[in-house]
Amino acid sequence: MAERRSVKDADTATDADAATDRPELPAAKAGQLGLRQIAELTGKDPEGVSGIEPSEDGWLVTVEVVEDRRIPSSTDLLATYRIELDLDGELLAYRRVRRYSRGRGDEGGG
């Protein structure tokens, strides 16, 4: 059942209450936004989102990008980008954290 508040209670609501009433950006939408923004910023073709995790200020999105297409495609040069979005989906920061050949698996086992 919905909580009822008196007019007086509503007038004395804190900023913290207002912040919790604001709808949060869903993880799936954050991933879509991160993918689109990294494509626009780098001009490269994104392969997909490989990670999404919440942060204090919004979301950290990890995206795999094709940096250099080669023949055969198993030798393409890929990169991992880490994108920080705020709760409204606006870009706060991004950086490339890794470059690797498509044919090489993760090193270090995890």
PDB file of N, CA and C in Angstrom:
ATOM      1  N   MET A   1       0.844  -1.180   0.000  1.00  0.00           N
ATOM      2  CA  MET A   1       0.000   0.000   0.000  1.00  0.00           C
ATOM      3  C   MET A   1       0.887   1.239   0.000  1.00  0.00           C
ATOM      4  N   ALA A   2       0.476   2.270  -0.697  1.00  0.00           N
ATOM      5  CA  ALA A   2       1.271   3.489  -0.836  1.00  0.00           C
ATOM      6  C   ALA A   2       1.339   4.249   0.484  1.00  0.00           C
ATOM      7  N   GLU A   3       2.504   4.844   0.730  1.00  0.00           N
ATOM      8  CA  GLU A   3       2.699   5.625   1.942  1.00  0.00           C
ATOM      9  C   GLU A   3       2.058   6.992   1.752  1.00  0.00           C
ATOM     10  N   ARG A   4       1.348   7.450   2.776  1.00  0.00           N
ATOM     11  CA  ARG A   4       0.719   8.771   2.718  1.00  0.00           C
ATOM     12  C   ARG A   4       1.543   9.735   3.535  1.00  0.00           C
ATOM     13  N   ARG A   5       1.703  10.932   3.022  1.00  0.00           N
ATOM     14  CA  ARG A   5       2.422  11.983   3.730  1.00  0.00           C
ATOM     15  C   ARG A   5       1.521  13.193   3.856  1.00  0.00           C
ATOM     16  N   SER A   6       1.638  13.856   4.980  1.00  0.00           N
ATOM     17  CA  SER A   6       0.885  15.093   5.137  1.00  0.00           C
ATOM     18  C   SER A   6       1.579  16.193   4.355  1.00  0.00           C
ATOM     19  N   VAL A   7       0.875  17.287   4.123  1.00  0.00           N
ATOM     20  CA  VAL A   7       1.458  18.420   3.408  1.00  0.00           C
ATOM     21  C   VAL A   7       2.667  18.935   4.158  1.00  0.00           C
ATOM     22  N   LYS A   8       2.589  18.979   5.486  1.00  0.00           N
ATOM     23  CA  LYS A   8       3.715  19.453   6.292  1.00  0.00           C
ATOM     24  C   LYS A   8       4.927  18.543   6.095  1.00  0.00           C
ATOM     25  N   ASP A   9       4.732  17.220   6.114  1.00  0.00           N
ATOM     26  CA  ASP A   9       5.828  16.280   5.900  1.00  0.00           C
ATOM     27  C   ASP A   9       6.440  16.475   4.519  1.00  0.00           C
ATOM     28  N   ALA A  10       5.625  16.694   3.522  1.00  0.00           N
ATOM     29  CA  ALA A  10       6.124  16.884   2.154  1.00  0.00           C
ATOM     30  C   ALA A  10       6.951  18.154   2.060  1.00  0.00           C
ATOM     31  N   ASP A  11       6.542  19.200   2.776  1.00  0.00           N
ATOM     32  CA  ASP A  11       7.279  20.459   2.734  1.00  0.00           C
ATOM     33  C   ASP A  11       8.637  20.359   3.422  1.00  0.00           C
ATOM     34  N   THR A  12       8.768  19.460   4.386  1.00  0.00           N
ATOM     35  CA  THR A  12      10.013  19.353   5.140  1.00  0.00           C
ATOM     36  C   THR A  12      10.897  18.213   4.635  1.00  0.00           C
ATOM     37  N   ALA A  13      10.581  17.671   3.483  1.00  0.00           N
ATOM     38  CA  ALA A  13      11.392  16.589   2.920  1.00  0.00           C
ATOM     39  C   ALA A  13      12.813  17.098   2.668  1.00  0.00           C
ATOM     40  N   THR A  14      13.775  16.246   2.939  1.00  0.00           N
ATOM     41  CA  THR A  14      15.180  16.642   2.769  1.00  0.00           C
ATOM     42  C   THR A  14      15.618  16.447   1.326  1.00  0.00           C
ATOM     43  N   ASP A  15      16.774  17.003   0.998  1.00  0.00           N
ATOM     44  CA  ASP A  15      17.344  16.798  -0.329  1.00  0.00           C
ATOM     45  C   ASP A  15      17.633  15.324  -0.580  1.00  0.00           C
ATOM     46  N   ALA A  16      17.986  14.593   0.472  1.00  0.00           N
ATOM     47  CA  ALA A  16      18.258  13.167   0.339  1.00  0.00           C
ATOM     48  C   ALA A  16      16.996  12.430  -0.108  1.00  0.00           C
ATOM     49  N   ASP A  17      15.837  12.830   0.425  1.00  0.00           N
ATOM     50  CA  ASP A  17      14.576  12.228   0.009  1.00  0.00           C
ATOM     51  C   ASP A  17      14.323  12.511  -1.464  1.00  0.00           C
ATOM     52  N   ALA A  18      14.598  13.716  -1.896  1.00  0.00           N
ATOM     53  CA  ALA A  18      14.388  14.086  -3.295  1.00  0.00           C
ATOM     54  C   ALA A  18      15.290  13.260  -4.199  1.00  0.00           C
ATOM     55  N   ALA A  19      16.515  13.002  -3.765  1.00  0.00           N
ATOM     56  CA  ALA A  19      17.447  12.229  -4.572  1.00  0.00           C
ATOM     57  C   ALA A  19      16.983  10.788  -4.722  1.00  0.00           C
ATOM     58  N   THR A  20      16.380  10.221  -3.666  1.00  0.00           N
ATOM     59  CA  THR A  20      15.922   8.844  -3.760  1.00  0.00           C
ATOM     60  C   THR A  20      14.655   8.732  -4.587  1.00  0.00           C
ATOM     61  N   ASP A  21      13.912   9.823  -4.753  1.00  0.00           N
ATOM     62  CA  ASP A  21      12.713   9.805  -5.573  1.00  0.00           C
ATOM     63  C   ASP A  21      13.039   9.870  -7.058  1.00  0.00           C
ATOM     64  N   ARG A  22      14.249  10.315  -7.387  1.00  0.00           N
ATOM     65  CA  ARG A  22      14.644  10.441  -8.785  1.00  0.00           C
ATOM     66  C   ARG A  22      14.864   9.057  -9.377  1.00  0.00           C
ATOM     67  N   PRO A  23      14.283   8.794 -10.546  1.00  0.00           N
ATOM     68  CA  PRO A  23      14.488   7.468 -11.141  1.00  0.00           C
ATOM     69  C   PRO A  23      15.951   7.274 -11.536  1.00  0.00           C
ATOM     70  N   GLU A  24      16.460   6.087 -11.279  1.00  0.00           N
ATOM     71  CA  GLU A  24      17.843   5.788 -11.607  1.00  0.00           C
ATOM     72  C   GLU A  24      17.947   5.281 -13.035  1.00  0.00           C
ATOM     73  N   LEU A  25      19.106   5.475 -13.626  1.00  0.00           N
ATOM     74  CA  LEU A  25      19.396   4.983 -14.957  1.00  0.00           C
ATOM     75  C   LEU A  25      19.597   3.466 -14.865  1.00  0.00           C
ATOM     76  N   PRO A  26      18.792   2.683 -15.579  1.00  0.00           N
ATOM     77  CA  PRO A  26      18.965   1.223 -15.526  1.00  0.00           C
ATOM     78  C   PRO A  26      20.299   0.795 -16.141  1.00  0.00           C
ATOM     79  N   ALA A  27      20.832  -0.320 -15.698  1.00  0.00           N
ATOM     80  CA  ALA A  27      22.122  -0.811 -16.180  1.00  0.00           C
ATOM     81  C   ALA A  27      22.105  -1.035 -17.689  1.00  0.00           C
ATOM     82  N   ALA A  28      21.041  -1.609 -18.219  1.00  0.00           N
ATOM     83  CA  ALA A  28      20.972  -1.873 -19.661  1.00  0.00           C
ATOM     84  C   ALA A  28      21.053  -0.577 -20.462  1.00  0.00           C
ATOM     85  N   LYS A  29      20.381   0.447 -20.004  1.00  0.00           N
ATOM     86  CA  LYS A  29      20.414   1.741 -20.689  1.00  0.00           C
ATOM     87  C   LYS A  29      21.810   2.361 -20.580  1.00  0.00           C
ATOM     88  N   ALA A  30      22.454   2.229 -19.423  1.00  0.00           N
ATOM     89  CA  ALA A  30      23.813   2.737 -19.250  1.00  0.00           C
ATOM     90  C   ALA A  30      24.749   2.049 -20.244  1.00  0.00           C
ATOM     91  N   GLY A  31      24.592   0.756 -20.432  1.00  0.00           N
ATOM     92  CA  GLY A  31      25.409   0.023 -21.390  1.00  0.00           C
ATOM     93  C   GLY A  31      25.209   0.528 -22.809  1.00  0.00           C
ATOM     94  N   GLN A  32      23.958   0.751 -23.193  1.00  0.00           N
ATOM     95  CA  GLN A  32      23.656   1.271 -24.532  1.00  0.00           C
ATOM     96  C   GLN A  32      24.268   2.648 -24.739  1.00  0.00           C
ATOM     97  N   LEU A  33      24.146   3.504 -23.731  1.00  0.00           N
ATOM     98  CA  LEU A  33      24.708   4.852 -23.828  1.00  0.00           C
ATOM     99  C   LEU A  33      26.224   4.817 -23.915  1.00  0.00           C
ATOM    100  N   GLY A  34      26.852   3.968 -23.122  1.00  0.00           N
ATOM    101  CA  GLY A  34      28.308   3.841 -23.153  1.00  0.00           C
ATOM    102  C   GLY A  34      28.791   3.363 -24.514  1.00  0.00           C
ATOM    103  N   LEU A  35      28.089   2.402 -25.082  1.00  0.00           N
ATOM    104  CA  LEU A  35      28.431   1.874 -26.397  1.00  0.00           C
ATOM    105  C   LEU A  35      28.347   2.968 -27.463  1.00  0.00           C
ATOM    106  N   ARG A  36      27.258   3.706 -27.433  1.00  0.00           N
ATOM    107  CA  ARG A  36      27.057   4.778 -28.415  1.00  0.00           C
ATOM    108  C   ARG A  36      28.099   5.883 -28.249  1.00  0.00           C
ATOM    109  N   GLN A  37      28.362   6.280 -27.010  1.00  0.00           N
ATOM    110  CA  GLN A  37      29.292   7.378 -26.777  1.00  0.00           C
ATOM    111  C   GLN A  37      30.721   7.019 -27.161  1.00  0.00           C
ATOM    112  N   ILE A  38      31.142   5.778 -26.899  1.00  0.00           N
ATOM    113  CA  ILE A  38      32.515   5.409 -27.254  1.00  0.00           C
ATOM    114  C   ILE A  38      32.663   5.339 -28.770  1.00  0.00           C
ATOM    115  N   ALA A  39      31.624   4.920 -29.476  1.00  0.00           N
ATOM    116  CA  ALA A  39      31.667   4.901 -30.940  1.00  0.00           C
ATOM    117  C   ALA A  39      31.799   6.319 -31.491  1.00  0.00           C
ATOM    118  N   GLU A  40      31.054   7.255 -30.917  1.00  0.00           N
ATOM    119  CA  GLU A  40      31.122   8.651 -31.360  1.00  0.00           C
ATOM    120  C   GLU A  40      32.487   9.273 -31.048  1.00  0.00           C
ATOM    121  N   LEU A  41      33.028   8.978 -29.882  1.00  0.00           N
ATOM    122  CA  LEU A  41      34.298   9.574 -29.461  1.00  0.00           C
ATOM    123  C   LEU A  41      35.498   9.030 -30.232  1.00  0.00           C
ATOM    124  N   THR A  42      35.509   7.724 -30.486  1.00  0.00           N
ATOM    125  CA  THR A  42      36.674   7.107 -31.113  1.00  0.00           C
ATOM    126  C   THR A  42      36.536   6.983 -32.625  1.00  0.00           C
ATOM    127  N   GLY A  43      35.306   6.973 -33.130  1.00  0.00           N
ATOM    128  CA  GLY A  43      35.093   6.740 -34.551  1.00  0.00           C
ATOM    129  C   GLY A  43      35.329   5.288 -34.939  1.00  0.00           C
ATOM    130  N   LYS A  44      35.420   4.409 -33.958  1.00  0.00           N
ATOM    131  CA  LYS A  44      35.684   2.986 -34.193  1.00  0.00           C
ATOM    132  C   LYS A  44      34.408   2.173 -33.965  1.00  0.00           C
ATOM    133  N   ASP A  45      34.407   0.939 -34.499  1.00  0.00           N
ATOM    134  CA  ASP A  45      33.251   0.050 -34.370  1.00  0.00           C
ATOM    135  C   ASP A  45      33.277  -0.695 -33.043  1.00  0.00           C
ATOM    136  N   PRO A  46      32.264  -0.481 -32.190  1.00  0.00           N
ATOM    137  CA  PRO A  46      32.221  -1.239 -30.939  1.00  0.00           C
ATOM    138  C   PRO A  46      31.774  -2.678 -31.196  1.00  0.00           C
ATOM    139  N   GLU A  47      32.395  -3.613 -30.499  1.00  0.00           N
ATOM    140  CA  GLU A  47      32.011  -5.020 -30.568  1.00  0.00           C
ATOM    141  C   GLU A  47      30.864  -5.305 -29.610  1.00  0.00           C
ATOM    142  N   GLY A  48      30.873  -4.636 -28.463  1.00  0.00           N
ATOM    143  CA  GLY A  48      29.830  -4.856 -27.483  1.00  0.00           C
ATOM    144  C   GLY A  48      30.262  -4.451 -26.098  1.00  0.00           C
ATOM    145  N   VAL A  49      29.303  -4.503 -25.200  1.00  0.00           N
ATOM    146  CA  VAL A  49      29.549  -4.189 -23.789  1.00  0.00           C
ATOM    147  C   VAL A  49      30.038  -5.464 -23.112  1.00  0.00           C
ATOM    148  N   SER A  50      31.160  -5.376 -22.418  1.00  0.00           N
ATOM    149  CA  SER A  50      31.680  -6.555 -21.724  1.00  0.00           C
ATOM    150  C   SER A  50      31.544  -6.435 -20.209  1.00  0.00           C
ATOM    151  N   GLY A  51      31.084  -5.275 -19.722  1.00  0.00           N
ATOM    152  CA  GLY A  51      30.882  -5.130 -18.288  1.00  0.00           C
ATOM    153  C   GLY A  51      30.141  -3.856 -17.933  1.00  0.00           C
ATOM    154  N   ILE A  52      29.329  -3.952 -16.901  1.00  0.00           N
ATOM    155  CA  ILE A  52      28.621  -2.794 -16.338  1.00  0.00           C
ATOM    156  C   ILE A  52      28.634  -2.965 -14.833  1.00  0.00           C
ATOM    157  N   GLU A  53      29.040  -1.906 -14.130  1.00  0.00           N
ATOM    158  CA  GLU A  53      28.998  -1.967 -12.673  1.00  0.00           C
ATOM    159  C   GLU A  53      28.642  -0.595 -12.109  1.00  0.00           C
ATOM    160  N   PRO A  54      27.900  -0.579 -11.022  1.00  0.00           N
ATOM    161  CA  PRO A  54      27.534   0.705 -10.421  1.00  0.00           C
ATOM    162  C   PRO A  54      28.739   1.375  -9.780  1.00  0.00           C
ATOM    163  N   SER A  55      28.713   2.701  -9.772  1.00  0.00           N
ATOM    164  CA  SER A  55      29.738   3.485  -9.074  1.00  0.00           C
ATOM    165  C   SER A  55      29.016   4.475  -8.170  1.00  0.00           C
ATOM    166  N   GLU A  56      29.772   5.237  -7.402  1.00  0.00           N
ATOM    167  CA  GLU A  56      29.157   6.221  -6.510  1.00  0.00           C
ATOM    168  C   GLU A  56      28.361   7.263  -7.278  1.00  0.00           C
ATOM    169  N   ASP A  57      28.867   7.642  -8.465  1.00  0.00           N
ATOM    170  CA  ASP A  57      28.258   8.725  -9.228  1.00  0.00           C
ATOM    171  C   ASP A  57      27.434   8.255 -10.415  1.00  0.00           C
ATOM    172  N   GLY A  58      27.317   6.950 -10.622  1.00  0.00           N
ATOM    173  CA  GLY A  58      26.563   6.462 -11.774  1.00  0.00           C
ATOM    174  C   GLY A  58      26.953   5.048 -12.148  1.00  0.00           C
ATOM    175  N   TRP A  59      27.580   4.892 -13.336  1.00  0.00           N
ATOM    176  CA  TRP A  59      27.929   3.580 -13.865  1.00  0.00           C
ATOM    177  C   TRP A  59      29.317   3.576 -14.478  1.00  0.00           C
ATOM    178  N   LEU A  60      29.999   2.444 -14.368  1.00  0.00           N
ATOM    179  CA  LEU A  60      31.235   2.178 -15.087  1.00  0.00           C
ATOM    180  C   LEU A  60      30.902   1.127 -16.142  1.00  0.00           C
ATOM    181  N   VAL A  61      31.104   1.470 -17.404  1.00  0.00           N
ATOM    182  CA  VAL A  61      30.763   0.589 -18.514  1.00  0.00           C
ATOM    183  C   VAL A  61      32.051   0.218 -19.238  1.00  0.00           C
ATOM    184  N   THR A  62      32.237  -1.068 -19.511  1.00  0.00           N
ATOM    185  CA  THR A  62      33.401  -1.555 -20.237  1.00  0.00           C
ATOM    186  C   THR A  62      32.950  -1.992 -21.621  1.00  0.00           C
ATOM    187  N   VAL A  63      33.621  -1.460 -22.655  1.00  0.00           N
ATOM    188  CA  VAL A  63      33.234  -1.721 -24.044  1.00  0.00           C
ATOM    189  C   VAL A  63      34.442  -2.220 -24.826  1.00  0.00           C
ATOM    190  N   GLU A  64      34.223  -3.246 -25.650  1.00  0.00           N
ATOM    191  CA  GLU A  64      35.256  -3.752 -26.551  1.00  0.00           C
ATOM    192  C   GLU A  64      35.055  -3.086 -27.914  1.00  0.00           C
ATOM    193  N   VAL A  65      36.163  -2.604 -28.502  1.00  0.00           N
ATOM    194  CA  VAL A  65      36.123  -1.838 -29.752  1.00  0.00           C
ATOM    195  C   VAL A  65      37.131  -2.430 -30.738  1.00  0.00           C
ATOM    196  N   VAL A  66      36.752  -2.499 -32.020  1.00  0.00           N
ATOM    197  CA  VAL A  66      37.697  -2.901 -33.054  1.00  0.00           C
ATOM    198  C   VAL A  66      38.514  -1.667 -33.428  1.00  0.00           C
ATOM    199  N   GLU A  67      39.796  -1.678 -33.098  1.00  0.00           N
ATOM    200  CA  GLU A  67      40.669  -0.539 -33.380  1.00  0.00           C
ATOM    201  C   GLU A  67      41.253  -0.612 -34.785  1.00  0.00           C
ATOM    202  N   ASP A  68      41.536  -1.844 -35.255  1.00  0.00           N
ATOM    203  CA  ASP A  68      42.128  -2.009 -36.576  1.00  0.00           C
ATOM    204  C   ASP A  68      41.661  -3.334 -37.164  1.00  0.00           C
ATOM    205  N   ARG A  69      40.899  -3.257 -38.258  1.00  0.00           N
ATOM    206  CA  ARG A  69      40.434  -4.475 -38.935  1.00  0.00           C
ATOM    207  C   ARG A  69      41.555  -5.014 -39.810  1.00  0.00           C
ATOM    208  N   ARG A  70      41.750  -6.334 -39.735  1.00  0.00           N
ATOM    209  CA  ARG A  70      42.810  -6.986 -40.502  1.00  0.00           C
ATOM    210  C   ARG A  70      42.271  -8.236 -41.185  1.00  0.00           C
ATOM    211  N   ILE A  71      43.052  -8.739 -42.116  1.00  0.00           N
ATOM    212  CA  ILE A  71      42.706  -9.990 -42.798  1.00  0.00           C
ATOM    213  C   ILE A  71      43.792 -10.993 -42.442  1.00  0.00           C
ATOM    214  N   PRO A  72      43.437 -12.134 -41.879  1.00  0.00           N
ATOM    215  CA  PRO A  72      42.095 -12.560 -41.485  1.00  0.00           C
ATOM    216  C   PRO A  72      41.610 -11.830 -40.233  1.00  0.00           C
ATOM    217  N   SER A  73      40.297 -11.873 -40.016  1.00  0.00           N
ATOM    218  CA  SER A  73      39.702 -11.126 -38.897  1.00  0.00           C
ATOM    219  C   SER A  73      40.189 -11.610 -37.537  1.00  0.00           C
ATOM    220  N   SER A  74      40.717 -12.808 -37.482  1.00  0.00           N
ATOM    221  CA  SER A  74      41.239 -13.317 -36.202  1.00  0.00           C
ATOM    222  C   SER A  74      42.465 -12.538 -35.740  1.00  0.00           C
ATOM    223  N   THR A  75      43.019 -11.699 -36.613  1.00  0.00           N
ATOM    224  CA  THR A  75      44.165 -10.875 -36.234  1.00  0.00           C
ATOM    225  C   THR A  75      43.777  -9.410 -36.008  1.00  0.00           C
ATOM    226  N   ASP A  76      42.468  -9.103 -36.006  1.00  0.00           N
ATOM    227  CA  ASP A  76      42.010  -7.732 -35.715  1.00  0.00           C
ATOM    228  C   ASP A  76      42.614  -7.242 -34.415  1.00  0.00           C
ATOM    229  N   LEU A  77      42.865  -5.952 -34.351  1.00  0.00           N
ATOM    230  CA  LEU A  77      43.352  -5.332 -33.121  1.00  0.00           C
ATOM    231  C   LEU A  77      42.149  -4.746 -32.377  1.00  0.00           C
ATOM    232  N   LEU A  78      41.928  -5.210 -31.163  1.00  0.00           N
ATOM    233  CA  LEU A  78      40.807  -4.763 -30.334  1.00  0.00           C
ATOM    234  C   LEU A  78      41.314  -3.936 -29.163  1.00  0.00           C
ATOM    235  N   ALA A  79      40.402  -3.193 -28.569  1.00  0.00           N
ATOM    236  CA  ALA A  79      40.726  -2.410 -27.375  1.00  0.00           C
ATOM    237  C   ALA A  79      39.561  -2.470 -26.399  1.00  0.00           C
ATOM    238  N   THR A  80      39.886  -2.379 -25.137  1.00  0.00           N
ATOM    239  CA  THR A  80      38.887  -2.298 -24.073  1.00  0.00           C
ATOM    240  C   THR A  80      38.878  -0.864 -23.555  1.00  0.00           C
ATOM    241  N   TYR A  81      37.691  -0.264 -23.551  1.00  0.00           N
ATOM    242  CA  TYR A  81      37.522   1.097 -23.027  1.00  0.00           C
ATOM    243  C   TYR A  81      36.659   1.053 -21.784  1.00  0.00           C
ATOM    244  N   ARG A  82      37.011   1.880 -20.831  1.00  0.00           N
ATOM    245  CA  ARG A  82      36.247   2.014 -19.584  1.00  0.00           C
ATOM    246  C   ARG A  82      35.588   3.392 -19.606  1.00  0.00           C
ATOM    247  N   ILE A  83      34.260   3.425 -19.499  1.00  0.00           N
ATOM    248  CA  ILE A  83      33.487   4.655 -19.604  1.00  0.00           C
ATOM    249  C   ILE A  83      32.779   4.892 -18.284  1.00  0.00           C
ATOM    250  N   GLU A  84      32.874   6.119 -17.782  1.00  0.00           N
ATOM    251  CA  GLU A  84      32.185   6.492 -16.547  1.00  0.00           C
ATOM    252  C   GLU A  84      31.025   7.418 -16.903  1.00  0.00           C
ATOM    253  N   LEU A  85      29.806   7.004 -16.519  1.00  0.00           N
ATOM    254  CA  LEU A  85      28.600   7.781 -16.766  1.00  0.00           C
ATOM    255  C   LEU A  85      27.994   8.231 -15.448  1.00  0.00           C
ATOM    256  N   ASP A  86      27.363   9.412 -15.446  1.00  0.00           N
ATOM    257  CA  ASP A  86      26.656   9.832 -14.239  1.00  0.00           C
ATOM    258  C   ASP A  86      25.268   9.202 -14.230  1.00  0.00           C
ATOM    259  N   LEU A  87      24.465   9.519 -13.215  1.00  0.00           N
ATOM    260  CA  LEU A  87      23.142   8.914 -13.074  1.00  0.00           C
ATOM    261  C   LEU A  87      22.158   9.327 -14.162  1.00  0.00           C
ATOM    262  N   ASP A  88      22.499  10.392 -14.915  1.00  0.00           N
ATOM    263  CA  ASP A  88      21.662  10.825 -16.035  1.00  0.00           C
ATOM    264  C   ASP A  88      22.149  10.260 -17.359  1.00  0.00           C
ATOM    265  N   GLY A  89      23.237   9.487 -17.340  1.00  0.00           N
ATOM    266  CA  GLY A  89      23.778   8.905 -18.556  1.00  0.00           C
ATOM    267  C   GLY A  89      24.751   9.800 -19.286  1.00  0.00           C
ATOM    268  N   GLU A  90      25.154  10.891 -18.643  1.00  0.00           N
ATOM    269  CA  GLU A  90      26.117  11.809 -19.256  1.00  0.00           C
ATOM    270  C   GLU A  90      27.535  11.295 -19.022  1.00  0.00           C
ATOM    271  N   LEU A  91      28.383  11.449 -20.022  1.00  0.00           N
ATOM    272  CA  LEU A  91      29.765  11.001 -19.947  1.00  0.00           C
ATOM    273  C   LEU A  91      30.554  11.850 -18.957  1.00  0.00           C
ATOM    274  N   LEU A  92      31.218  11.180 -18.019  1.00  0.00           N
ATOM    275  CA  LEU A  92      32.097  11.859 -17.070  1.00  0.00           C
ATOM    276  C   LEU A  92      33.560  11.666 -17.475  1.00  0.00           C
ATOM    277  N   ALA A  93      33.896  10.457 -17.939  1.00  0.00           N
ATOM    278  CA  ALA A  93      35.269  10.157 -18.317  1.00  0.00           C
ATOM    279  C   ALA A  93      35.307   8.866 -19.127  1.00  0.00           C
ATOM    280  N   TYR A  94      36.380   8.711 -19.907  1.00  0.00           N
ATOM    281  CA  TYR A  94      36.630   7.440 -20.564  1.00  0.00           C
ATOM    282  C   TYR A  94      38.124   7.291 -20.797  1.00  0.00           C
ATOM    283  N   ARG A  95      38.570   6.030 -20.920  1.00  0.00           N
ATOM    284  CA  ARG A  95      39.965   5.781 -21.252  1.00  0.00           C
ATOM    285  C   ARG A  95      40.121   4.361 -21.780  1.00  0.00           C
ATOM    286  N   ARG A  96      41.127   4.191 -22.613  1.00  0.00           N
ATOM    287  CA  ARG A  96      41.449   2.851 -23.103  1.00  0.00           C
ATOM    288  C   ARG A  96      42.291   2.176 -22.037  1.00  0.00           C
ATOM    289  N   VAL A  97      41.899   0.964 -21.669  1.00  0.00           N
ATOM    290  CA  VAL A  97      42.616   0.260 -20.606  1.00  0.00           C
ATOM    291  C   VAL A  97      43.405  -0.940 -21.126  1.00  0.00           C
ATOM    292  N   ARG A  98      43.145  -1.339 -22.388  1.00  0.00           N
ATOM    293  CA  ARG A  98      43.834  -2.524 -22.908  1.00  0.00           C
ATOM    294  C   ARG A  98      43.740  -2.566 -24.423  1.00  0.00           C
ATOM    295  N   ARG A  99      44.806  -3.044 -25.078  1.00  0.00           N
ATOM    296  CA  ARG A  99      44.799  -3.341 -26.524  1.00  0.00           C
ATOM    297  C   ARG A  99      45.282  -4.769 -26.692  1.00  0.00           C
ATOM    298  N   TYR A 100      44.665  -5.504 -27.632  1.00  0.00           N
ATOM    299  CA  TYR A 100      45.039  -6.896 -27.829  1.00  0.00           C
ATOM    300  C   TYR A 100      44.569  -7.389 -29.200  1.00  0.00           C
ATOM    301  N   SER A 101      45.170  -8.476 -29.674  1.00  0.00           N
ATOM    302  CA  SER A 101      44.746  -9.124 -30.915  1.00  0.00           C
ATOM    303  C   SER A 101      43.548 -10.007 -30.640  1.00  0.00           C
ATOM    304  N   ARG A 102      42.619 -10.044 -31.587  1.00  0.00           N
ATOM    305  CA  ARG A 102      41.406 -10.852 -31.410  1.00  0.00           C
ATOM    306  C   ARG A 102      41.744 -12.314 -31.129  1.00  0.00           C
ATOM    307  N   GLY A 103      42.749 -12.847 -31.756  1.00  0.00           N
ATOM    308  CA  GLY A 103      43.082 -14.259 -31.614  1.00  0.00           C
ATOM    309  C   GLY A 103      43.717 -14.630 -30.286  1.00  0.00           C
ATOM    310  N   ARG A 104      44.074 -13.651 -29.472  1.00  0.00           N
ATOM    311  CA  ARG A 104      44.711 -13.926 -28.176  1.00  0.00           C
ATOM    312  C   ARG A 104      43.675 -13.863 -27.070  1.00  0.00           C
ATOM    313  N   GLY A 105      43.641 -14.882 -26.221  1.00  0.00           N
ATOM    314  CA  GLY A 105      42.723 -14.895 -25.089  1.00  0.00           C
ATOM    315  C   GLY A 105      43.239 -14.033 -23.951  1.00  0.00           C
ATOM    316  N   ASP A 106      42.441 -13.966 -22.902  1.00  0.00           N
ATOM    317  CA  ASP A 106      42.869 -13.228 -21.712  1.00  0.00           C
ATOM    318  C   ASP A 106      44.114 -13.869 -21.130  1.00  0.00           C
ATOM    319  N   GLU A 107      45.053 -13.026 -20.745  1.00  0.00           N
ATOM    320  CA  GLU A 107      46.267 -13.518 -20.104  1.00  0.00           C
ATOM    321  C   GLU A 107      46.135 -13.361 -18.606  1.00  0.00           C
ATOM    322  N   GLY A 108      46.672 -14.272 -17.858  1.00  0.00           N
ATOM    323  CA  GLY A 108      46.651 -14.164 -16.408  1.00  0.00           C
ATOM    324  C   GLY A 108      45.509 -14.926 -15.762  1.00  0.00           C
ATOM    325  N   GLY A 109      44.635 -15.515 -16.567  1.00  0.00           N
ATOM    326  CA  GLY A 109      43.596 -16.381 -16.038  1.00  0.00           C
ATOM    327  C   GLY A 109      42.500 -15.684 -15.263  1.00  0.00           C
ATOM    328  N   GLY A 110      42.325 -14.385 -15.402  1.00  0.00           N
ATOM    329  CA  GLY A 110      41.179 -13.843 -14.724  1.00  0.00           C
ATOM    330  C   GLY A 110      41.310 -12.472 -14.313  1.00  0.00           C
TER     331      GLY A 110
END
